[in-house]
Amino acid sequence: MRSCTILALLLAVAAPAAVATAQDAAQITLVSAGSGHREPLRHRFEAGQTQAMRLRVQSQMRTLLGEQEQTIPMPIMRMDMDFGPTTITDSGNLRYAYEITDVGVTGGENEQLNQRVLTSITQLIGTHGETEIDDRGNMVDFTYELPEGAPEGLQQQERLLRDSMSQVLPRFPAEPVGEGASWVVRSDLNLPNMQVAVATTYELRSRSGDHIELHVSTDTVEDAPNPADIDVRGSGRIRFVIGTLQTRGRVQTVAAARIRGPRGEMSMRIRTRMQVTPR
């Protein structure tokens, strides 16, 4: 089930804004409050909303084992997801259902690899559950169910895939902020059989009423345990509208790892471009 493992790794490194697991608000640290008028950033919730989203991931993987180097241009993966209808809990949090409704692949240079990737991601169709978040974007609850009959290899990637899909909305600091403000969210990136600590920095580039634009960048936390010597760096921008589930974003991420195995040390580098749009 090598293709499932590659898929899970690509999904995990693709979206710095989406790798945070369910952690308390203390993980968010304000770096700068910004300038001009400052006010708290908070999500505003309404019941009955729905949103159809499309995720596209384009990647290239390069491996080096001894003197043997291999470059693998992955096809562009497409994943369609439906969110909602939203409900409001007694505590005022937002709760919504989600489901993967369709997938596809385009491009790529190896038809056999394309077919393996398509077979792997097709197994995700029907994956569904519910997410609950508070008005700062912190996850309160999450449920996740794979389709009936999902293969064992896919079951083993449940947490990694969950972390990749579970956060539709960005997380906000407690303090009032103005334009140019920045804050850091420290979280765990769940890779197969390991965790790597990463720090995602958000910068408030602009705000016009409910329309927000953020610059986002992610780096590996240097002073945290890193069992496979993995380095993750990424940047991009996210646009969204407060009061909706509508998000648009483009992020490019480079993940490099050195893995020691029975045949010696293998180096791996994955460059990933991700785009999220309403559909």
C-alpha atoms as a PDB file:
ATOM      1  CA  MET A   1       0.000   0.000   0.000  1.00  0.00           C
ATOM      2  CA  ARG A   2       2.917   2.300  -0.833  1.00  0.00           C
ATOM      3  CA  SER A   3       0.654   4.679  -2.757  1.00  0.00           C
ATOM      4  CA  CYS A   4      -1.524   5.212   0.333  1.00  0.00           C
ATOM      5  CA  THR A   5       1.535   6.124   2.389  1.00  0.00           C
ATOM      6  CA  ILE A   6       2.722   8.588  -0.256  1.00  0.00           C
ATOM      7  CA  LEU A   7      -0.771  10.089  -0.457  1.00  0.00           C
ATOM      8  CA  ALA A   8      -0.951  10.530   3.296  1.00  0.00           C
ATOM      9  CA  LEU A   9       2.474  12.148   3.438  1.00  0.00           C
ATOM     10  CA  LEU A  10       1.599  14.537   0.613  1.00  0.00           C
ATOM     11  CA  LEU A  11      -1.646  15.553   2.282  1.00  0.00           C
ATOM     12  CA  ALA A  12       0.143  16.177   5.555  1.00  0.00           C
ATOM     13  CA  VAL A  13       2.899  18.396   4.167  1.00  0.00           C
ATOM     14  CA  ALA A  14       0.693  20.163   1.648  1.00  0.00           C
ATOM     15  CA  ALA A  15      -1.204  22.516   3.902  1.00  0.00           C
ATOM     16  CA  PRO A  16       0.563  24.303   6.738  1.00  0.00           C
ATOM     17  CA  ALA A  17      -2.719  25.911   7.762  1.00  0.00           C
ATOM     18  CA  ALA A  18      -4.349  22.536   8.132  1.00  0.00           C
ATOM     19  CA  VAL A  19      -1.997  20.387  10.161  1.00  0.00           C
ATOM     20  CA  ALA A  20      -2.898  21.584  13.654  1.00  0.00           C
ATOM     21  CA  THR A  21      -4.409  18.892  15.856  1.00  0.00           C
ATOM     22  CA  ALA A  22      -6.898  19.448  18.655  1.00  0.00           C
ATOM     23  CA  GLN A  23      -4.883  21.584  21.070  1.00  0.00           C
ATOM     24  CA  ASP A  24      -5.830  24.256  23.546  1.00  0.00           C
ATOM     25  CA  ALA A  25      -5.656  27.968  22.809  1.00  0.00           C
ATOM     26  CA  ALA A  26      -2.393  28.331  24.778  1.00  0.00           C
ATOM     27  CA  GLN A  27      -0.586  26.993  21.700  1.00  0.00           C
ATOM     28  CA  ILE A  28      -1.310  30.292  19.910  1.00  0.00           C
ATOM     29  CA  THR A  29       1.280  32.984  20.641  1.00  0.00           C
ATOM     30  CA  LEU A  30       0.868  36.597  19.525  1.00  0.00           C
ATOM     31  CA  VAL A  31       4.068  37.969  17.968  1.00  0.00           C
ATOM     32  CA  SER A  32       2.875  41.436  16.941  1.00  0.00           C
ATOM     33  CA  ALA A  33      -0.470  43.170  17.500  1.00  0.00           C
ATOM     34  CA  GLY A  34      -0.136  45.095  14.212  1.00  0.00           C
ATOM     35  CA  SER A  35      -0.937  48.748  13.584  1.00  0.00           C
ATOM     36  CA  GLY A  36      -3.970  51.007  13.290  1.00  0.00           C
ATOM     37  CA  HIS A  37      -7.360  49.999  14.640  1.00  0.00           C
ATOM     38  CA  ARG A  38      -7.182  46.746  16.595  1.00  0.00           C
ATOM     39  CA  GLU A  39     -10.003  44.372  17.387  1.00  0.00           C
ATOM     40  CA  PRO A  40     -10.268  40.661  18.197  1.00  0.00           C
ATOM     41  CA  LEU A  41     -10.495  38.285  15.242  1.00  0.00           C
ATOM     42  CA  ARG A  42     -13.373  35.888  15.800  1.00  0.00           C
ATOM     43  CA  HIS A  43     -15.339  33.549  13.597  1.00  0.00           C
ATOM     44  CA  ARG A  44     -19.073  34.247  13.403  1.00  0.00           C
ATOM     45  CA  PHE A  45     -21.365  31.284  13.064  1.00  0.00           C
ATOM     46  CA  GLU A  46     -24.715  30.741  11.383  1.00  0.00           C
ATOM     47  CA  ALA A  47     -26.797  27.586  11.233  1.00  0.00           C
ATOM     48  CA  GLY A  48     -27.831  25.919   7.987  1.00  0.00           C
ATOM     49  CA  GLN A  49     -24.809  26.864   5.853  1.00  0.00           C
ATOM     50  CA  THR A  50     -23.244  24.499   3.329  1.00  0.00           C
ATOM     51  CA  GLN A  51     -20.082  24.780   1.271  1.00  0.00           C
ATOM     52  CA  ALA A  52     -18.581  22.654  -1.500  1.00  0.00           C
ATOM     53  CA  MET A  53     -14.767  22.826  -1.674  1.00  0.00           C
ATOM     54  CA  ARG A  54     -12.114  21.517  -4.045  1.00  0.00           C
ATOM     55  CA  LEU A  55      -8.555  20.656  -3.068  1.00  0.00           C
ATOM     56  CA  ARG A  56      -5.824  20.280  -5.700  1.00  0.00           C
ATOM     57  CA  VAL A  57      -2.381  18.967  -4.807  1.00  0.00           C
ATOM     58  CA  GLN A  58       0.549  18.877  -7.234  1.00  0.00           C
ATOM     59  CA  SER A  59       3.804  17.340  -6.019  1.00  0.00           C
ATOM     60  CA  GLN A  60       7.231  16.185  -7.060  1.00  0.00           C
ATOM     61  CA  MET A  61       9.185  13.696  -4.976  1.00  0.00           C
ATOM     62  CA  ARG A  62      12.943  13.148  -5.214  1.00  0.00           C
ATOM     63  CA  THR A  63      14.737  10.310  -3.420  1.00  0.00           C
ATOM     64  CA  LEU A  64      18.453   9.608  -3.032  1.00  0.00           C
ATOM     65  CA  LEU A  65      19.757   6.250  -1.786  1.00  0.00           C
ATOM     66  CA  GLY A  66      23.524   6.012  -2.020  1.00  0.00           C
ATOM     67  CA  GLU A  67      24.309   7.163  -5.549  1.00  0.00           C
ATOM     68  CA  GLN A  68      20.879   6.231  -6.888  1.00  0.00           C
ATOM     69  CA  GLU A  69      18.675   9.292  -7.425  1.00  0.00           C
ATOM     70  CA  GLN A  70      15.062   9.119  -8.561  1.00  0.00           C
ATOM     71  CA  THR A  71      12.615  11.929  -9.342  1.00  0.00           C
ATOM     72  CA  ILE A  72       8.915  11.097  -9.269  1.00  0.00           C
ATOM     73  CA  PRO A  73       6.558  13.725 -10.748  1.00  0.00           C
ATOM     74  CA  MET A  74       3.244  12.954  -9.111  1.00  0.00           C
ATOM     75  CA  PRO A  75      -0.020  13.643 -10.934  1.00  0.00           C
ATOM     76  CA  ILE A  76      -2.258  16.490  -9.777  1.00  0.00           C
ATOM     77  CA  MET A  77      -4.652  15.067  -7.217  1.00  0.00           C
ATOM     78  CA  ARG A  78      -8.158  16.497  -6.912  1.00  0.00           C
ATOM     79  CA  MET A  79     -10.397  15.975  -3.904  1.00  0.00           C
ATOM     80  CA  ASP A  80     -13.947  17.360  -3.670  1.00  0.00           C
ATOM     81  CA  MET A  81     -15.445  17.837  -0.213  1.00  0.00           C
ATOM     82  CA  ASP A  82     -18.873  18.925   0.994  1.00  0.00           C
ATOM     83  CA  PHE A  83     -19.246  20.744   4.326  1.00  0.00           C
ATOM     84  CA  GLY A  84     -22.428  21.369   6.297  1.00  0.00           C
ATOM     85  CA  PRO A  85     -25.170  22.001   6.983  1.00  0.00           C
ATOM     86  CA  THR A  86     -23.802  23.870   9.968  1.00  0.00           C
ATOM     87  CA  THR A  87     -25.386  23.829  13.410  1.00  0.00           C
ATOM     88  CA  ILE A  88     -24.715  25.918  16.524  1.00  0.00           C
ATOM     89  CA  THR A  89     -24.154  24.072  19.803  1.00  0.00           C
ATOM     90  CA  ASP A  90     -25.529  25.155  23.195  1.00  0.00           C
ATOM     91  CA  SER A  91     -22.080  26.585  24.003  1.00  0.00           C
ATOM     92  CA  GLY A  92     -22.089  28.682  20.812  1.00  0.00           C
ATOM     93  CA  ASN A  93     -19.597  26.578  18.856  1.00  0.00           C
ATOM     94  CA  LEU A  94     -19.906  25.691  15.170  1.00  0.00           C
ATOM     95  CA  ARG A  95     -20.541  22.063  14.270  1.00  0.00           C
ATOM     96  CA  TYR A  96     -20.639  20.790  10.710  1.00  0.00           C
ATOM     97  CA  ALA A  97     -20.540  17.537   8.810  1.00  0.00           C
ATOM     98  CA  TYR A  98     -18.041  16.871   6.038  1.00  0.00           C
ATOM     99  CA  GLU A  99     -17.690  14.216   3.346  1.00  0.00           C
ATOM    100  CA  ILE A 100     -15.261  13.435   0.536  1.00  0.00           C
ATOM    101  CA  THR A 101     -17.541  13.140  -2.474  1.00  0.00           C
ATOM    102  CA  ASP A 102     -15.217  12.735  -5.468  1.00  0.00           C
ATOM    103  CA  VAL A 103     -11.539  12.482  -6.449  1.00  0.00           C
ATOM    104  CA  GLY A 104      -9.463  12.501  -9.612  1.00  0.00           C
ATOM    105  CA  VAL A 105      -5.961  12.750 -11.059  1.00  0.00           C
ATOM    106  CA  THR A 106      -4.555  14.619 -14.071  1.00  0.00           C
ATOM    107  CA  GLY A 107      -1.101  15.094 -15.539  1.00  0.00           C
ATOM    108  CA  GLY A 108       1.836  13.023 -14.385  1.00  0.00           C
ATOM    109  CA  GLU A 109       4.381  11.242 -16.561  1.00  0.00           C
ATOM    110  CA  ASN A 110       3.790   7.625 -15.563  1.00  0.00           C
ATOM    111  CA  GLU A 111       0.412   6.114 -16.313  1.00  0.00           C
ATOM    112  CA  GLN A 112       0.965   3.208 -13.916  1.00  0.00           C
ATOM    113  CA  LEU A 113       1.765   5.614 -11.073  1.00  0.00           C
ATOM    114  CA  ASN A 114      -1.269   7.713 -12.008  1.00  0.00           C
ATOM    115  CA  GLN A 115      -3.463   4.639 -11.758  1.00  0.00           C
ATOM    116  CA  ARG A 116      -2.019   3.630  -8.379  1.00  0.00           C
ATOM    117  CA  VAL A 117      -2.590   7.108  -6.985  1.00  0.00           C
ATOM    118  CA  LEU A 118      -6.126   7.192  -8.389  1.00  0.00           C
ATOM    119  CA  THR A 119      -6.875   3.777  -6.875  1.00  0.00           C
ATOM    120  CA  SER A 120      -5.605   4.977  -3.488  1.00  0.00           C
ATOM    121  CA  ILE A 121      -7.543   8.218  -3.353  1.00  0.00           C
ATOM    122  CA  THR A 122     -10.702   6.607  -4.780  1.00  0.00           C
ATOM    123  CA  GLN A 123     -10.781   4.564  -1.580  1.00  0.00           C
ATOM    124  CA  LEU A 124     -11.319   7.843   0.301  1.00  0.00           C
ATOM    125  CA  ILE A 125     -14.659   8.607  -1.369  1.00  0.00           C
ATOM    126  CA  GLY A 126     -17.336   8.446   1.289  1.00  0.00           C
ATOM    127  CA  THR A 127     -15.006   9.341   4.165  1.00  0.00           C
ATOM    128  CA  HIS A 128     -17.110  11.502   6.464  1.00  0.00           C
ATOM    129  CA  GLY A 129     -17.556  12.837   9.968  1.00  0.00           C
ATOM    130  CA  GLU A 130     -18.239  15.968  11.978  1.00  0.00           C
ATOM    131  CA  THR A 131     -16.080  18.808  13.292  1.00  0.00           C
ATOM    132  CA  GLU A 132     -16.804  21.257  16.115  1.00  0.00           C
ATOM    133  CA  ILE A 133     -14.805  24.478  16.557  1.00  0.00           C
ATOM    134  CA  ASP A 134     -15.030  27.554  18.760  1.00  0.00           C
ATOM    135  CA  ASP A 135     -14.986  31.171  17.596  1.00  0.00           C
ATOM    136  CA  ARG A 136     -11.159  31.269  17.555  1.00  0.00           C
ATOM    137  CA  GLY A 137     -10.919  28.214  15.311  1.00  0.00           C
ATOM    138  CA  ASN A 138      -9.826  25.789  18.045  1.00  0.00           C
ATOM    139  CA  MET A 139     -11.064  22.257  17.476  1.00  0.00           C
ATOM    140  CA  VAL A 140     -13.388  21.073  20.243  1.00  0.00           C
ATOM    141  CA  ASP A 141     -14.505  17.744  18.797  1.00  0.00           C
ATOM    142  CA  PHE A 142     -13.847  15.634  15.722  1.00  0.00           C
ATOM    143  CA  THR A 143     -15.312  12.408  14.361  1.00  0.00           C
ATOM    144  CA  TYR A 144     -13.946  10.466  11.404  1.00  0.00           C
ATOM    145  CA  GLU A 145     -15.277   7.432   9.576  1.00  0.00           C
ATOM    146  CA  LEU A 146     -13.686   5.725   6.603  1.00  0.00           C
ATOM    147  CA  PRO A 147     -15.876   4.076   3.972  1.00  0.00           C
ATOM    148  CA  GLU A 148     -17.035   0.541   4.710  1.00  0.00           C
ATOM    149  CA  GLY A 149     -14.437  -1.972   3.572  1.00  0.00           C
ATOM    150  CA  ALA A 150     -11.539   0.516   3.548  1.00  0.00           C
ATOM    151  CA  PRO A 151      -8.226  -1.393   3.302  1.00  0.00           C
ATOM    152  CA  GLU A 152      -5.984  -1.811   6.333  1.00  0.00           C
ATOM    153  CA  GLY A 153      -3.324   0.463   4.851  1.00  0.00           C
ATOM    154  CA  LEU A 154      -5.812   3.320   4.702  1.00  0.00           C
ATOM    155  CA  GLN A 155      -7.032   2.664   8.231  1.00  0.00           C
ATOM    156  CA  GLN A 156      -3.457   3.089   9.480  1.00  0.00           C
ATOM    157  CA  GLN A 157      -3.339   6.611   8.014  1.00  0.00           C
ATOM    158  CA  GLU A 158      -6.529   7.731   9.744  1.00  0.00           C
ATOM    159  CA  ARG A 159      -4.964  10.288  12.091  1.00  0.00           C
ATOM    160  CA  LEU A 160      -2.698  11.768   9.445  1.00  0.00           C
ATOM    161  CA  LEU A 161      -5.577  12.210   7.025  1.00  0.00           C
ATOM    162  CA  ARG A 162      -7.766  13.558   9.813  1.00  0.00           C
ATOM    163  CA  ASP A 163      -5.237  16.266  10.628  1.00  0.00           C
ATOM    164  CA  SER A 164      -5.045  17.252   6.973  1.00  0.00           C
ATOM    165  CA  MET A 165      -8.801  17.705   6.546  1.00  0.00           C
ATOM    166  CA  SER A 166     -10.034  18.682   9.972  1.00  0.00           C
ATOM    167  CA  GLN A 167      -9.420  22.430  10.039  1.00  0.00           C
ATOM    168  CA  VAL A 168     -11.262  24.454   7.462  1.00  0.00           C
ATOM    169  CA  LEU A 169     -10.928  27.774   9.301  1.00  0.00           C
ATOM    170  CA  PRO A 170      -7.712  29.418  10.591  1.00  0.00           C
ATOM    171  CA  ARG A 171      -6.998  29.882  14.290  1.00  0.00           C
ATOM    172  CA  PHE A 172      -6.948  33.334  15.888  1.00  0.00           C
ATOM    173  CA  PRO A 173      -5.099  34.818  18.881  1.00  0.00           C
ATOM    174  CA  ALA A 174      -6.992  35.976  21.966  1.00  0.00           C
ATOM    175  CA  GLU A 175      -5.675  39.555  21.747  1.00  0.00           C
ATOM    176  CA  PRO A 176      -7.061  42.387  19.577  1.00  0.00           C
ATOM    177  CA  VAL A 177      -5.043  42.779  16.367  1.00  0.00           C
ATOM    178  CA  GLY A 178      -4.671  45.221  13.499  1.00  0.00           C
ATOM    179  CA  GLU A 179      -3.235  45.070   9.997  1.00  0.00           C
ATOM    180  CA  GLY A 180       0.241  43.548   9.963  1.00  0.00           C
ATOM    181  CA  ALA A 181      -0.384  41.510  13.123  1.00  0.00           C
ATOM    182  CA  SER A 182       1.255  38.089  13.342  1.00  0.00           C
ATOM    183  CA  TRP A 183       0.803  35.065  15.574  1.00  0.00           C
ATOM    184  CA  VAL A 184       2.284  31.578  15.774  1.00  0.00           C
ATOM    185  CA  VAL A 185       0.445  28.268  16.141  1.00  0.00           C
ATOM    186  CA  ARG A 186       2.667  25.430  17.320  1.00  0.00           C
ATOM    187  CA  SER A 187       1.311  22.000  16.395  1.00  0.00           C
ATOM    188  CA  ASP A 188       2.266  18.418  15.617  1.00  0.00           C
ATOM    189  CA  LEU A 189       2.563  17.177  12.054  1.00  0.00           C
ATOM    190  CA  ASN A 190       1.506  13.527  12.079  1.00  0.00           C
ATOM    191  CA  LEU A 191       3.563  11.478   9.644  1.00  0.00           C
ATOM    192  CA  PRO A 192       3.533   7.689   9.332  1.00  0.00           C
ATOM    193  CA  ASN A 193       4.746   6.306  12.697  1.00  0.00           C
ATOM    194  CA  MET A 194       6.050   9.646  13.984  1.00  0.00           C
ATOM    195  CA  GLN A 195       5.249  13.222  14.932  1.00  0.00           C
ATOM    196  CA  VAL A 196       7.187  16.351  14.026  1.00  0.00           C
ATOM    197  CA  ALA A 197       6.606  19.702  15.756  1.00  0.00           C
ATOM    198  CA  VAL A 198       5.969  22.615  13.385  1.00  0.00           C
ATOM    199  CA  ALA A 199       5.276  26.310  13.915  1.00  0.00           C
ATOM    200  CA  THR A 200       2.829  28.033  11.579  1.00  0.00           C
ATOM    201  CA  THR A 201       3.002  31.830  11.462  1.00  0.00           C
ATOM    202  CA  TYR A 202      -0.027  33.831  10.332  1.00  0.00           C
ATOM    203  CA  GLU A 203       0.234  37.473   9.267  1.00  0.00           C
ATOM    204  CA  LEU A 204      -2.867  39.621   8.798  1.00  0.00           C
ATOM    205  CA  ARG A 205      -2.182  41.201   5.407  1.00  0.00           C
ATOM    206  CA  SER A 206      -5.524  42.955   4.992  1.00  0.00           C
ATOM    207  CA  ARG A 207      -9.027  43.170   6.372  1.00  0.00           C
ATOM    208  CA  SER A 208     -12.053  44.782   4.737  1.00  0.00           C
ATOM    209  CA  GLY A 209     -15.108  44.117   6.861  1.00  0.00           C
ATOM    210  CA  ASP A 210     -15.503  40.339   6.952  1.00  0.00           C
ATOM    211  CA  HIS A 211     -13.000  39.733   4.138  1.00  0.00           C
ATOM    212  CA  ILE A 212      -9.630  38.611   5.509  1.00  0.00           C
ATOM    213  CA  GLU A 213      -6.317  37.882   3.787  1.00  0.00           C
ATOM    214  CA  LEU A 214      -3.577  36.056   5.673  1.00  0.00           C
ATOM    215  CA  HIS A 215      -0.012  35.193   4.762  1.00  0.00           C
ATOM    216  CA  VAL A 216       0.961  31.838   6.233  1.00  0.00           C
ATOM    217  CA  SER A 217       4.377  30.221   6.654  1.00  0.00           C
ATOM    218  CA  THR A 218       5.449  27.001   8.345  1.00  0.00           C
ATOM    219  CA  ASP A 219       8.808  25.855   9.719  1.00  0.00           C
ATOM    220  CA  THR A 220       9.968  22.854  11.705  1.00  0.00           C
ATOM    221  CA  VAL A 221      10.507  23.623  15.389  1.00  0.00           C
ATOM    222  CA  GLU A 222      14.265  23.248  15.810  1.00  0.00           C
ATOM    223  CA  ASP A 223      14.351  22.522  19.557  1.00  0.00           C
ATOM    224  CA  ALA A 224      11.744  19.728  19.407  1.00  0.00           C
ATOM    225  CA  PRO A 225      12.397  15.977  18.989  1.00  0.00           C
ATOM    226  CA  ASN A 226      12.712  15.027  15.321  1.00  0.00           C
ATOM    227  CA  PRO A 227      13.225  11.250  14.986  1.00  0.00           C
ATOM    228  CA  ALA A 228      13.644  11.143  11.211  1.00  0.00           C
ATOM    229  CA  ASP A 229      15.467  14.479  10.784  1.00  0.00           C
ATOM    230  CA  ILE A 230      12.562  16.020   8.859  1.00  0.00           C
ATOM    231  CA  ASP A 231      12.582  19.642   7.724  1.00  0.00           C
ATOM    232  CA  VAL A 232       9.280  21.215   6.635  1.00  0.00           C
ATOM    233  CA  ARG A 233       9.080  24.727   5.189  1.00  0.00           C
ATOM    234  CA  GLY A 234       6.163  26.338   3.413  1.00  0.00           C
ATOM    235  CA  SER A 235       4.432  29.597   2.630  1.00  0.00           C
ATOM    236  CA  GLY A 236       1.351  30.912   0.908  1.00  0.00           C
ATOM    237  CA  ARG A 237      -1.781  32.962   1.402  1.00  0.00           C
ATOM    238  CA  ILE A 238      -5.326  32.325   2.542  1.00  0.00           C
ATOM    239  CA  ARG A 239      -8.420  34.405   1.820  1.00  0.00           C
ATOM    240  CA  PHE A 240     -11.692  33.800   3.602  1.00  0.00           C
ATOM    241  CA  VAL A 241     -14.915  35.491   4.628  1.00  0.00           C
ATOM    242  CA  ILE A 242     -15.860  35.570   8.311  1.00  0.00           C
ATOM    243  CA  GLY A 243     -19.307  34.071   8.874  1.00  0.00           C
ATOM    244  CA  THR A 244     -18.915  31.492   6.080  1.00  0.00           C
ATOM    245  CA  LEU A 245     -17.004  28.276   5.357  1.00  0.00           C
ATOM    246  CA  GLN A 246     -15.665  29.853   2.175  1.00  0.00           C
ATOM    247  CA  THR A 247     -11.868  29.734   1.953  1.00  0.00           C
ATOM    248  CA  ARG A 248      -9.441  30.267  -0.912  1.00  0.00           C
ATOM    249  CA  GLY A 249      -5.768  29.534  -0.588  1.00  0.00           C
ATOM    250  CA  ARG A 250      -2.496  28.707  -2.319  1.00  0.00           C
ATOM    251  CA  VAL A 251       0.408  27.186  -0.407  1.00  0.00           C
ATOM    252  CA  GLN A 252       3.754  25.748  -1.488  1.00  0.00           C
ATOM    253  CA  THR A 253       5.586  23.437   0.879  1.00  0.00           C
ATOM    254  CA  VAL A 254       8.958  21.674   0.740  1.00  0.00           C
ATOM    255  CA  ALA A 255       9.536  18.722   3.068  1.00  0.00           C
ATOM    256  CA  ALA A 256      12.971  17.095   3.293  1.00  0.00           C
ATOM    257  CA  ALA A 257      13.832  14.013   5.318  1.00  0.00           C
ATOM    258  CA  ARG A 258      16.769  11.724   5.971  1.00  0.00           C
ATOM    259  CA  ILE A 259      15.649   8.215   6.862  1.00  0.00           C
ATOM    260  CA  ARG A 260      18.047   5.496   8.062  1.00  0.00           C
ATOM    261  CA  GLY A 261      17.166   2.000   6.928  1.00  0.00           C
ATOM    262  CA  PRO A 262      18.716  -1.433   6.322  1.00  0.00           C
ATOM    263  CA  ARG A 263      20.123  -0.283   2.963  1.00  0.00           C
ATOM    264  CA  GLY A 264      21.666   2.855   4.401  1.00  0.00           C
ATOM    265  CA  GLU A 265      20.486   6.456   4.608  1.00  0.00           C
ATOM    266  CA  MET A 266      17.837   7.624   2.185  1.00  0.00           C
ATOM    267  CA  SER A 267      17.129  11.293   1.513  1.00  0.00           C
ATOM    268  CA  MET A 268      13.663  12.350   0.387  1.00  0.00           C
ATOM    269  CA  ARG A 269      12.457  15.763  -0.769  1.00  0.00           C
ATOM    270  CA  ILE A 270       8.824  16.515  -1.573  1.00  0.00           C
ATOM    271  CA  ARG A 271       7.765  19.816  -3.115  1.00  0.00           C
ATOM    272  CA  THR A 272       4.022  20.346  -2.980  1.00  0.00           C
ATOM    273  CA  ARG A 273       1.688  23.032  -4.312  1.00  0.00           C
ATOM    274  CA  MET A 274      -1.816  23.073  -2.901  1.00  0.00           C
ATOM    275  CA  GLN A 275      -4.844  25.092  -3.955  1.00  0.00           C
ATOM    276  CA  VAL A 276      -8.177  25.252  -2.112  1.00  0.00           C
ATOM    277  CA  THR A 277     -11.203  26.853  -3.796  1.00  0.00           C
ATOM    278  CA  PRO A 278     -14.984  26.811  -3.423  1.00  0.00           C
ATOM    279  CA  ARG A 279     -16.735  24.916  -6.192  1.00  0.00           C
END
